[in-house]
Amino acid sequence: MDLSTPDAVRDELLKTDPMFRDLVQQHQDYEKRLAELAHLTFPSDDEQLEESTLKKKKLQLKDEIYEIMHRHSVGH
C-alpha cells in the first residue's frame, strides 16, 4: 500500500490525530529531499550519506505510520 493512495483509515487519522499528521508530513518531507538528491549527477560523500540516512528514517516512519493505522483499524 502506498501512502498517496486513498485510504479511509489514513484519511480519518489525518483529520483527527495531529501526531499522525506530523508523521505523514515528515515522511513526505523525506520523500521530497530524496527526490532532490536522486537528481544530483555527482552527489558528494555527505549527500550520499544523507540519502542513505533519509531512506532509513523514511522506512522507520512508514512502519510507524502503518502500525498506527493498523491499531486504529483494529480498535474500530
N, C-alpha and C. Protein backbone atom coordinates (compact mmCIF):
# COMPACT_ATOMS: atom_id res chain seq x y z
N MET A 1 0.84 -1.19 0.00
CA MET A 1 0.00 0.00 0.00
C MET A 1 0.88 1.24 0.00
N ASP A 2 0.47 2.24 -0.76
CA ASP A 2 1.20 3.48 -0.92
C ASP A 2 0.52 4.57 -0.09
N LEU A 3 1.32 5.42 0.53
CA LEU A 3 0.74 6.49 1.35
C LEU A 3 -0.03 7.51 0.52
N SER A 4 0.18 7.54 -0.78
CA SER A 4 -0.52 8.52 -1.60
C SER A 4 -1.87 8.01 -2.11
N THR A 5 -2.13 6.71 -1.99
CA THR A 5 -3.42 6.18 -2.43
C THR A 5 -4.48 6.43 -1.36
N PRO A 6 -5.72 6.62 -1.77
CA PRO A 6 -6.79 6.87 -0.81
C PRO A 6 -6.97 5.69 0.16
N ASP A 7 -7.17 6.02 1.41
CA ASP A 7 -7.38 5.01 2.44
C ASP A 7 -8.23 5.65 3.53
N ALA A 8 -9.34 5.03 3.86
CA ALA A 8 -10.29 5.61 4.82
C ALA A 8 -9.67 5.77 6.20
N VAL A 9 -8.91 4.77 6.64
CA VAL A 9 -8.29 4.84 7.97
C VAL A 9 -7.27 5.98 8.00
N ARG A 10 -6.41 6.03 6.99
CA ARG A 10 -5.41 7.09 6.93
C ARG A 10 -6.07 8.46 6.88
N ASP A 11 -7.10 8.60 6.04
CA ASP A 11 -7.78 9.88 5.92
C ASP A 11 -8.41 10.33 7.24
N GLU A 12 -9.02 9.38 7.95
CA GLU A 12 -9.61 9.71 9.25
C GLU A 12 -8.53 10.14 10.24
N LEU A 13 -7.42 9.41 10.27
CA LEU A 13 -6.33 9.76 11.19
C LEU A 13 -5.72 11.11 10.84
N LEU A 14 -5.62 11.42 9.56
CA LEU A 14 -5.09 12.73 9.16
C LEU A 14 -5.97 13.86 9.68
N LYS A 15 -7.28 13.62 9.74
CA LYS A 15 -8.21 14.64 10.22
C LYS A 15 -8.24 14.75 11.74
N THR A 16 -8.01 13.62 12.43
CA THR A 16 -8.25 13.60 13.87
C THR A 16 -7.01 13.47 14.75
N ASP A 17 -5.87 13.09 14.18
CA ASP A 17 -4.69 12.80 15.01
C ASP A 17 -3.51 13.68 14.57
N PRO A 18 -3.20 14.73 15.35
CA PRO A 18 -2.10 15.63 14.97
C PRO A 18 -0.74 14.92 14.90
N MET A 19 -0.49 13.97 15.78
CA MET A 19 0.78 13.25 15.75
C MET A 19 0.90 12.44 14.45
N PHE A 20 -0.17 11.78 14.05
CA PHE A 20 -0.18 11.02 12.81
C PHE A 20 0.06 11.95 11.62
N ARG A 21 -0.60 13.09 11.64
CA ARG A 21 -0.45 14.08 10.58
C ARG A 21 1.01 14.54 10.48
N ASP A 22 1.64 14.77 11.63
CA ASP A 22 3.05 15.17 11.65
C ASP A 22 3.96 14.09 11.07
N LEU A 23 3.68 12.83 11.40
CA LEU A 23 4.48 11.72 10.86
C LEU A 23 4.36 11.64 9.34
N VAL A 24 3.15 11.78 8.83
CA VAL A 24 2.93 11.74 7.38
C VAL A 24 3.63 12.92 6.72
N GLN A 25 3.56 14.09 7.32
CA GLN A 25 4.23 15.27 6.76
C GLN A 25 5.74 15.06 6.73
N GLN A 26 6.28 14.52 7.80
CA GLN A 26 7.72 14.27 7.86
C GLN A 26 8.12 13.24 6.79
N HIS A 27 7.31 12.22 6.60
CA HIS A 27 7.56 11.21 5.57
C HIS A 27 7.59 11.88 4.19
N GLN A 28 6.65 12.78 3.94
CA GLN A 28 6.60 13.49 2.66
C GLN A 28 7.82 14.40 2.48
N ASP A 29 8.27 15.03 3.57
CA ASP A 29 9.46 15.88 3.51
C ASP A 29 10.70 15.05 3.15
N TYR A 30 10.82 13.87 3.76
CA TYR A 30 11.94 12.98 3.43
C TYR A 30 11.87 12.57 1.96
N GLU A 31 10.67 12.24 1.49
CA GLU A 31 10.48 11.83 0.10
C GLU A 31 10.92 12.95 -0.85
N LYS A 32 10.55 14.18 -0.52
CA LYS A 32 10.91 15.32 -1.36
C LYS A 32 12.42 15.50 -1.39
N ARG A 33 13.07 15.43 -0.25
CA ARG A 33 14.53 15.59 -0.20
C ARG A 33 15.23 14.45 -0.94
N LEU A 34 14.72 13.24 -0.80
CA LEU A 34 15.31 12.11 -1.52
C LEU A 34 15.19 12.29 -3.03
N ALA A 35 14.09 12.86 -3.48
CA ALA A 35 13.92 13.13 -4.90
C ALA A 35 14.95 14.16 -5.37
N GLU A 36 15.20 15.17 -4.54
CA GLU A 36 16.21 16.18 -4.87
C GLU A 36 17.59 15.53 -4.98
N LEU A 37 17.91 14.67 -4.03
CA LEU A 37 19.21 14.01 -4.03
C LEU A 37 19.35 13.06 -5.22
N ALA A 38 18.26 12.43 -5.62
CA ALA A 38 18.30 11.49 -6.73
C ALA A 38 18.62 12.19 -8.05
N HIS A 39 18.34 13.47 -8.14
CA HIS A 39 18.59 14.21 -9.38
C HIS A 39 20.02 14.73 -9.48
N LEU A 40 20.81 14.55 -8.43
CA LEU A 40 22.20 15.00 -8.48
C LEU A 40 23.02 14.06 -9.35
N THR A 41 23.77 14.62 -10.26
CA THR A 41 24.60 13.81 -11.16
C THR A 41 25.78 13.20 -10.42
N PHE A 42 26.46 14.01 -9.63
CA PHE A 42 27.62 13.55 -8.87
C PHE A 42 27.46 13.96 -7.41
N PRO A 43 26.68 13.20 -6.64
CA PRO A 43 26.50 13.57 -5.23
C PRO A 43 27.81 13.43 -4.44
N SER A 44 27.97 14.34 -3.51
CA SER A 44 29.15 14.29 -2.64
C SER A 44 28.99 13.14 -1.65
N ASP A 45 30.07 12.88 -0.93
CA ASP A 45 30.01 11.84 0.11
C ASP A 45 28.94 12.17 1.15
N ASP A 46 28.88 13.45 1.53
CA ASP A 46 27.88 13.87 2.51
C ASP A 46 26.46 13.68 1.98
N GLU A 47 26.25 13.97 0.72
CA GLU A 47 24.93 13.80 0.12
C GLU A 47 24.56 12.33 -0.01
N GLN A 48 25.53 11.49 -0.29
CA GLN A 48 25.27 10.04 -0.35
C GLN A 48 24.91 9.51 1.04
N LEU A 49 25.62 10.00 2.06
CA LEU A 49 25.32 9.60 3.43
C LEU A 49 23.94 10.10 3.84
N GLU A 50 23.62 11.35 3.47
CA GLU A 50 22.30 11.90 3.77
C GLU A 50 21.21 11.05 3.12
N GLU A 51 21.42 10.66 1.87
CA GLU A 51 20.44 9.85 1.17
C GLU A 51 20.21 8.52 1.89
N SER A 52 21.28 7.88 2.28
CA SER A 52 21.18 6.59 2.98
C SER A 52 20.45 6.76 4.31
N THR A 53 20.80 7.80 5.04
CA THR A 53 20.17 8.06 6.34
C THR A 53 18.69 8.38 6.17
N LEU A 54 18.35 9.19 5.18
CA LEU A 54 16.95 9.55 4.94
C LEU A 54 16.11 8.34 4.54
N LYS A 55 16.68 7.45 3.75
CA LYS A 55 15.96 6.24 3.36
C LYS A 55 15.61 5.40 4.58
N LYS A 56 16.54 5.28 5.51
CA LYS A 56 16.29 4.52 6.73
C LYS A 56 15.24 5.20 7.60
N LYS A 57 15.36 6.51 7.76
CA LYS A 57 14.39 7.25 8.57
C LYS A 57 13.00 7.18 7.95
N LYS A 58 12.95 7.30 6.62
CA LYS A 58 11.66 7.26 5.92
C LYS A 58 11.00 5.90 6.11
N LEU A 59 11.78 4.84 6.04
CA LEU A 59 11.25 3.50 6.24
C LEU A 59 10.74 3.32 7.67
N GLN A 60 11.47 3.83 8.64
CA GLN A 60 11.02 3.76 10.04
C GLN A 60 9.70 4.50 10.22
N LEU A 61 9.61 5.68 9.61
CA LEU A 61 8.36 6.45 9.69
C LEU A 61 7.21 5.70 9.05
N LYS A 62 7.47 5.11 7.89
CA LYS A 62 6.42 4.36 7.20
C LYS A 62 5.93 3.21 8.07
N ASP A 63 6.86 2.50 8.70
CA ASP A 63 6.47 1.41 9.60
C ASP A 63 5.61 1.93 10.76
N GLU A 64 6.01 3.07 11.31
CA GLU A 64 5.26 3.65 12.43
C GLU A 64 3.87 4.10 11.96
N ILE A 65 3.79 4.70 10.79
CA ILE A 65 2.51 5.14 10.23
C ILE A 65 1.58 3.94 10.05
N TYR A 66 2.09 2.88 9.45
CA TYR A 66 1.26 1.70 9.21
C TYR A 66 0.87 1.00 10.51
N GLU A 67 1.73 1.05 11.51
CA GLU A 67 1.39 0.47 12.81
C GLU A 67 0.23 1.24 13.44
N ILE A 68 0.28 2.56 13.37
CA ILE A 68 -0.81 3.39 13.90
C ILE A 68 -2.10 3.10 13.14
N MET A 69 -2.01 3.00 11.82
CA MET A 69 -3.19 2.71 11.01
C MET A 69 -3.78 1.34 11.38
N HIS A 70 -2.90 0.37 11.58
CA HIS A 70 -3.36 -0.97 11.94
C HIS A 70 -4.06 -0.96 13.30
N ARG A 71 -3.44 -0.32 14.30
CA ARG A 71 -4.05 -0.25 15.63
C ARG A 71 -5.40 0.45 15.57
N HIS A 72 -5.48 1.49 14.77
CA HIS A 72 -6.73 2.24 14.65
C HIS A 72 -7.81 1.38 13.98
N SER A 73 -7.44 0.67 12.93
CA SER A 73 -8.46 -0.15 12.23
C SER A 73 -8.91 -1.32 13.08
N VAL A 74 -8.03 -1.89 13.89
CA VAL A 74 -8.40 -3.00 14.77
C VAL A 74 -9.26 -2.50 15.93
N GLY A 75 -8.98 -1.28 16.38
CA GLY A 75 -9.70 -0.71 17.51
C GLY A 75 -11.09 -0.20 17.16
N HIS A 76 -11.38 -0.08 15.88
CA HIS A 76 -12.69 0.44 15.47
C HIS A 76 -13.50 -0.58 14.74
